C-alpha atoms as a PDB file:
ATOM      1  CA  MET A   1       0.161  -0.111   0.019  1.00  0.00           C
ATOM      2  CA  GLN A   2       1.303   3.451  -1.046  1.00  0.00           C
ATOM      3  CA  THR A   3       0.874   6.384   1.354  1.00  0.00           C
ATOM      4  CA  LEU A   4       0.896   9.940   0.228  1.00  0.00           C
ATOM      5  CA  SER A   5       3.553  12.565   1.640  1.00  0.00           C
ATOM      6  CA  THR A   6       2.040  15.142   3.751  1.00  0.00           C
ATOM      7  CA  LYS A   7       5.320  16.950   3.609  1.00  0.00           C
ATOM      8  CA  PRO A   8       5.802  20.065   1.264  1.00  0.00           C
ATOM      9  CA  LEU A   9       7.339  19.031  -2.076  1.00  0.00           C
ATOM     10  CA  SER A  10       9.255  21.274  -4.339  1.00  0.00           C
ATOM     11  CA  ARG A  11      11.184  20.535  -7.987  1.00  0.00           C
ATOM     12  CA  ILE A  12      14.347  21.121  -8.994  1.00  0.00           C
ATOM     13  CA  LYS A  13      14.607  23.406 -12.160  1.00  0.00           C
ATOM     14  CA  THR A  14      17.031  23.078 -15.166  1.00  0.00           C
ATOM     15  CA  LYS A  15      19.593  25.569 -13.369  1.00  0.00           C
ATOM     16  CA  GLY A  16      19.528  23.515 -10.185  1.00  0.00           C
ATOM     17  CA  GLN A  17      16.991  26.045  -8.520  1.00  0.00           C
ATOM     18  CA  THR A  18      14.140  25.056  -6.142  1.00  0.00           C
ATOM     19  CA  THR A  19      11.605  26.910  -4.222  1.00  0.00           C
ATOM     20  CA  VAL A  20      11.262  26.790  -0.483  1.00  0.00           C
ATOM     21  CA  PRO A  21       7.474  26.050  -0.185  1.00  0.00           C
ATOM     22  CA  LYS A  22       5.528  28.969   1.387  1.00  0.00           C
ATOM     23  CA  GLU A  23       4.332  27.179   4.485  1.00  0.00           C
ATOM     24  CA  ILE A  24       7.760  26.454   5.366  1.00  0.00           C
ATOM     25  CA  ARG A  25       9.177  30.098   4.723  1.00  0.00           C
ATOM     26  CA  SER A  26       6.285  31.445   6.909  1.00  0.00           C
ATOM     27  CA  GLN A  27       6.862  28.909   9.609  1.00  0.00           C
ATOM     28  CA  ILE A  28      10.466  29.802  10.164  1.00  0.00           C
ATOM     29  CA  GLY A  29      10.268  33.460   8.956  1.00  0.00           C
ATOM     30  CA  LEU A  30      12.297  33.294   5.842  1.00  0.00           C
ATOM     31  CA  ILE A  31      12.173  36.360   3.612  1.00  0.00           C
ATOM     32  CA  GLU A  32      13.691  37.340   0.204  1.00  0.00           C
ATOM     33  CA  GLY A  33      17.428  37.916   0.441  1.00  0.00           C
ATOM     34  CA  ASP A  34      17.987  35.333   3.377  1.00  0.00           C
ATOM     35  CA  VAL A  35      20.971  33.206   3.238  1.00  0.00           C
ATOM     36  CA  LEU A  36      20.701  29.256   3.578  1.00  0.00           C
ATOM     37  CA  GLU A  37      23.533  26.892   4.515  1.00  0.00           C
ATOM     38  CA  TRP A  38      23.378  23.488   3.006  1.00  0.00           C
ATOM     39  CA  ALA A  39      24.682  20.253   4.637  1.00  0.00           C
ATOM     40  CA  VAL A  40      24.976  16.854   3.057  1.00  0.00           C
ATOM     41  CA  GLU A  41      25.294  13.613   5.198  1.00  0.00           C
ATOM     42  CA  GLY A  42      24.871  10.508   2.858  1.00  0.00           C
ATOM     43  CA  ILE A  43      21.629  11.074   0.973  1.00  0.00           C
ATOM     44  CA  LYS A  44      20.088  13.599   3.351  1.00  0.00           C
ATOM     45  CA  VAL A  45      20.402  17.213   2.858  1.00  0.00           C
ATOM     46  CA  THR A  46      19.883  19.790   5.691  1.00  0.00           C
ATOM     47  CA  ILE A  47      19.071  23.332   4.870  1.00  0.00           C
ATOM     48  CA  MET A  48      19.569  26.042   7.705  1.00  0.00           C
ATOM     49  CA  PRO A  49      18.682  29.848   7.649  1.00  0.00           C
ATOM     50  CA  LYS A  50      22.066  31.693   8.636  1.00  0.00           C
ATOM     51  CA  ARG A  51      21.998  35.326   9.934  1.00  0.00           C
ATOM     52  CA  LEU A  52      24.808  37.211   8.626  1.00  0.00           C
ATOM     53  CA  ILE A  53      26.238  40.120  10.429  1.00  0.00           C
ATOM     54  CA  ASP A  54      28.301  43.038   8.987  1.00  0.00           C
ATOM     55  CA  ALA A  55      32.174  42.372   9.645  1.00  0.00           C
ATOM     56  CA  ALA A  56      32.693  46.174   9.683  1.00  0.00           C
ATOM     57  CA  PRO A  57      33.628  47.445  13.033  1.00  0.00           C
ATOM     58  CA  ILE A  58      30.938  49.240  14.970  1.00  0.00           C
ATOM     59  CA  PRO A  59      32.101  52.858  15.673  1.00  0.00           C
END
């Protein structure tokens, strides 16, 4: 018996691009321009949002 996935899905486009599903973006507060870090362990891929800080000294 085959079960349907209830997890959001996305497709990889011709240039390797994919879209983070809206419900995921909303749930973790991702907005346009955010940076994502990718990690691979075997066949498992983990994507983590990264908050970058300006490296310039604060006056």
